Amino acid sequence: MYYRKFRILMKNTILKIFNFIKTHAKQIWLITSVFISIFTGILFSEAFLNLLNPIHATLVRFPIFGLLFSVTPADKTEDVDVMFKRRMLHLIIGWGGVIGVLFGINPPLWYIFTTWISIWILGAVLLPYISFKEKREKISIKWRFYTLIILIIMLVLFGILFGIRFI
């Protein structure tokens, strides 16, 4: 009799914990992401692994948080443009996190080159994605146009900066 009561109590407790985690998964992941990014920044600092100076170790925390945050799924909606905006926001946060980590690890001499390469790669990923979404979900063509114009302006600007850097 005590065994059955204990078993029912444990089963109910596990179900309540599971339901709590299921309903508050985003908040739990947000808090976990903050702690992981702080721990990683401390781990990379001069005090432990001596990989980065204190300023870079502090700055690496934010991109790592961005990478971890970009993994969280967006809220579901029926509006195609809202879904696309949310996906783009997650993509931008994730890519910004990758570039932030590269900036934290690379020496300042390579900042312009890292930015230039990141813009090329982002454009190579983003433009086909937008084209696919435009055909599949019937989103407006303005997204591809604005993205292409901004990408070309940034590539030319950073190409000129990169060329001036080594002249």
Protein backbone atom coordinates (compact mmCIF):
# COMPACT_ATOMS: atom_id res chain seq x y z
CA MET A 1 0.00 0.00 0.00
CA TYR A 2 2.84 2.41 0.84
CA TYR A 3 4.66 1.36 -2.29
CA ARG A 4 1.62 2.23 -4.46
CA LYS A 5 1.21 5.61 -2.78
CA PHE A 6 4.90 6.34 -3.21
CA ARG A 7 4.76 5.24 -6.85
CA ILE A 8 1.73 7.47 -7.56
CA LEU A 9 3.40 10.37 -5.75
CA MET A 10 6.59 9.96 -7.81
CA LYS A 11 4.63 9.63 -11.04
CA ASN A 12 2.62 12.79 -10.31
CA THR A 13 5.77 14.67 -9.33
CA ILE A 14 7.55 13.68 -12.52
CA LEU A 15 4.52 14.64 -14.61
CA LYS A 16 4.29 18.05 -12.90
CA ILE A 17 7.99 18.68 -13.47
CA PHE A 18 7.66 17.62 -17.12
CA ASN A 19 4.63 19.88 -17.66
CA PHE A 20 6.42 22.79 -15.98
CA ILE A 21 9.45 22.35 -18.21
CA LYS A 22 7.23 22.00 -21.27
CA THR A 23 5.29 25.20 -20.57
CA HIS A 24 8.30 27.29 -19.50
CA ALA A 25 10.94 25.88 -21.88
CA LYS A 26 11.82 29.24 -23.43
CA GLN A 27 12.36 30.96 -20.10
CA ILE A 28 14.40 28.03 -18.78
CA TRP A 29 16.55 28.03 -21.93
CA LEU A 30 17.00 31.81 -21.69
CA ILE A 31 18.30 31.58 -18.13
CA THR A 32 20.46 28.59 -19.02
CA SER A 33 21.89 30.49 -22.00
CA VAL A 34 22.84 33.41 -19.77
CA PHE A 35 24.68 31.14 -17.36
CA ILE A 36 26.43 29.21 -20.17
CA SER A 37 27.60 32.44 -21.82
CA ILE A 38 28.90 33.86 -18.53
CA PHE A 39 30.69 30.60 -17.76
CA THR A 40 32.25 30.52 -21.24
CA GLY A 41 33.43 34.12 -20.94
CA ILE A 42 35.04 33.34 -17.59
CA LEU A 43 36.56 30.14 -18.99
CA PHE A 44 38.17 32.02 -21.90
CA SER A 45 39.53 34.78 -19.67
CA GLU A 46 43.11 35.16 -18.51
CA ALA A 47 42.27 33.69 -15.13
CA PHE A 48 41.61 30.16 -16.41
CA LEU A 49 42.70 29.18 -19.91
CA ASN A 50 44.60 32.38 -20.74
CA LEU A 51 43.08 32.41 -24.23
CA LEU A 52 41.70 35.96 -24.36
CA ASN A 53 42.36 39.21 -22.59
CA PRO A 54 39.66 40.41 -20.15
CA ILE A 55 37.95 42.73 -22.64
CA HIS A 56 37.64 40.09 -25.35
CA ALA A 57 36.56 37.46 -22.83
CA THR A 58 33.78 39.77 -21.68
CA LEU A 59 32.74 40.55 -25.25
CA VAL A 60 32.63 36.85 -26.19
CA ARG A 61 29.81 36.34 -23.68
CA PHE A 62 27.30 38.28 -25.76
CA PRO A 63 27.78 36.40 -29.05
CA ILE A 64 27.66 33.06 -27.27
CA PHE A 65 24.39 34.12 -25.69
CA GLY A 66 23.17 35.15 -29.16
CA LEU A 67 24.09 31.74 -30.57
CA LEU A 68 22.30 29.94 -27.78
CA PHE A 69 19.29 32.26 -28.01
CA SER A 70 18.96 31.77 -31.77
CA VAL A 71 18.24 28.08 -31.21
CA THR A 72 14.94 28.75 -29.44
CA PRO A 73 11.93 28.20 -31.68
CA ALA A 74 9.72 31.14 -32.60
CA ASP A 75 6.06 31.34 -31.65
CA LYS A 76 3.73 29.78 -34.19
CA THR A 77 1.57 32.05 -36.30
CA GLU A 78 -0.36 31.81 -39.54
CA ASP A 79 0.92 35.07 -41.03
CA VAL A 80 3.68 34.28 -43.54
CA ASP A 81 5.41 37.66 -43.23
CA VAL A 82 5.52 37.43 -39.42
CA MET A 83 6.97 33.92 -39.60
CA PHE A 84 9.57 35.10 -42.08
CA LYS A 85 10.52 38.12 -39.95
CA ARG A 86 11.00 35.87 -36.92
CA ARG A 87 13.12 33.40 -38.87
CA MET A 88 15.21 36.24 -40.23
CA LEU A 89 15.66 37.63 -36.72
CA HIS A 90 16.86 34.25 -35.48
CA LEU A 91 19.20 33.94 -38.46
CA ILE A 92 20.63 37.42 -37.86
CA ILE A 93 21.12 36.79 -34.15
CA GLY A 94 22.81 33.45 -34.84
CA TRP A 95 25.08 34.85 -37.53
CA GLY A 96 25.89 37.86 -35.35
CA GLY A 97 26.88 35.45 -32.61
CA VAL A 98 29.26 33.59 -34.92
CA ILE A 99 30.84 36.82 -36.10
CA GLY A 100 31.06 38.12 -32.54
CA VAL A 101 32.95 35.02 -31.46
CA LEU A 102 35.28 35.46 -34.45
CA PHE A 103 35.87 39.09 -33.48
CA GLY A 104 36.56 38.06 -29.91
CA ILE A 105 39.12 35.45 -30.92
CA ASN A 106 40.79 37.14 -33.94
CA PRO A 107 43.35 39.91 -33.48
CA PRO A 108 42.27 43.45 -34.46
CA LEU A 109 44.34 43.28 -37.67
CA TRP A 110 41.80 40.86 -39.17
CA TYR A 111 38.56 42.65 -38.16
CA ILE A 112 37.84 44.15 -41.58
CA PHE A 113 38.66 40.89 -43.34
CA THR A 114 36.45 38.92 -40.95
CA THR A 115 33.58 41.33 -41.56
CA TRP A 116 34.03 41.17 -45.32
CA ILE A 117 34.07 37.37 -45.37
CA SER A 118 31.08 37.20 -43.03
CA ILE A 119 29.07 39.44 -45.34
CA TRP A 120 29.90 37.19 -48.31
CA ILE A 121 28.86 34.07 -46.43
CA LEU A 122 25.73 35.68 -45.02
CA GLY A 123 24.72 36.80 -48.51
CA ALA A 124 25.40 33.34 -49.90
CA VAL A 125 23.09 31.85 -47.27
CA LEU A 126 20.49 34.58 -47.08
CA LEU A 127 19.67 35.30 -50.72
CA PRO A 128 18.79 31.73 -51.73
CA TYR A 129 16.80 31.38 -48.51
CA ILE A 130 14.80 34.51 -49.30
CA SER A 131 14.29 33.37 -52.89
CA PHE A 132 13.04 29.97 -51.69
CA LYS A 133 10.67 31.54 -49.18
CA GLU A 134 9.45 34.00 -51.80
CA LYS A 135 8.44 31.20 -54.15
CA ARG A 136 7.13 28.80 -51.52
CA GLU A 137 5.25 31.07 -49.14
CA LYS A 138 4.44 33.91 -51.52
CA ILE A 139 6.19 36.64 -49.54
CA SER A 140 6.85 40.02 -51.06
CA ILE A 141 9.76 40.51 -53.47
CA LYS A 142 10.79 43.59 -51.49
CA TRP A 143 12.67 41.39 -49.02
CA ARG A 144 15.02 40.05 -51.68
CA PHE A 145 15.47 43.51 -53.23
CA TYR A 146 16.30 45.25 -49.92
CA THR A 147 18.62 42.45 -48.87
CA LEU A 148 20.50 42.47 -52.16
CA ILE A 149 20.92 46.26 -52.15
CA ILE A 150 22.20 46.28 -48.54
CA LEU A 151 24.50 43.33 -49.25
CA ILE A 152 26.04 45.01 -52.32
CA ILE A 153 26.58 48.30 -50.46
CA MET A 154 28.22 46.53 -47.52
CA LEU A 155 30.44 44.37 -49.74
CA VAL A 156 31.67 47.38 -51.69
CA LEU A 157 32.24 49.40 -48.50
CA PHE A 158 34.17 46.68 -46.70
CA GLY A 159 36.04 45.75 -49.89
CA ILE A 160 37.26 49.34 -50.13
CA LEU A 161 38.18 49.35 -46.42
CA PHE A 162 40.01 46.05 -46.80
CA GLY A 163 41.90 47.38 -49.85
CA ILE A 164 42.84 50.60 -48.07
CA ARG A 165 44.03 48.62 -45.06
CA PHE A 166 46.71 46.82 -47.04
CA ILE A 167 47.82 49.65 -49.36
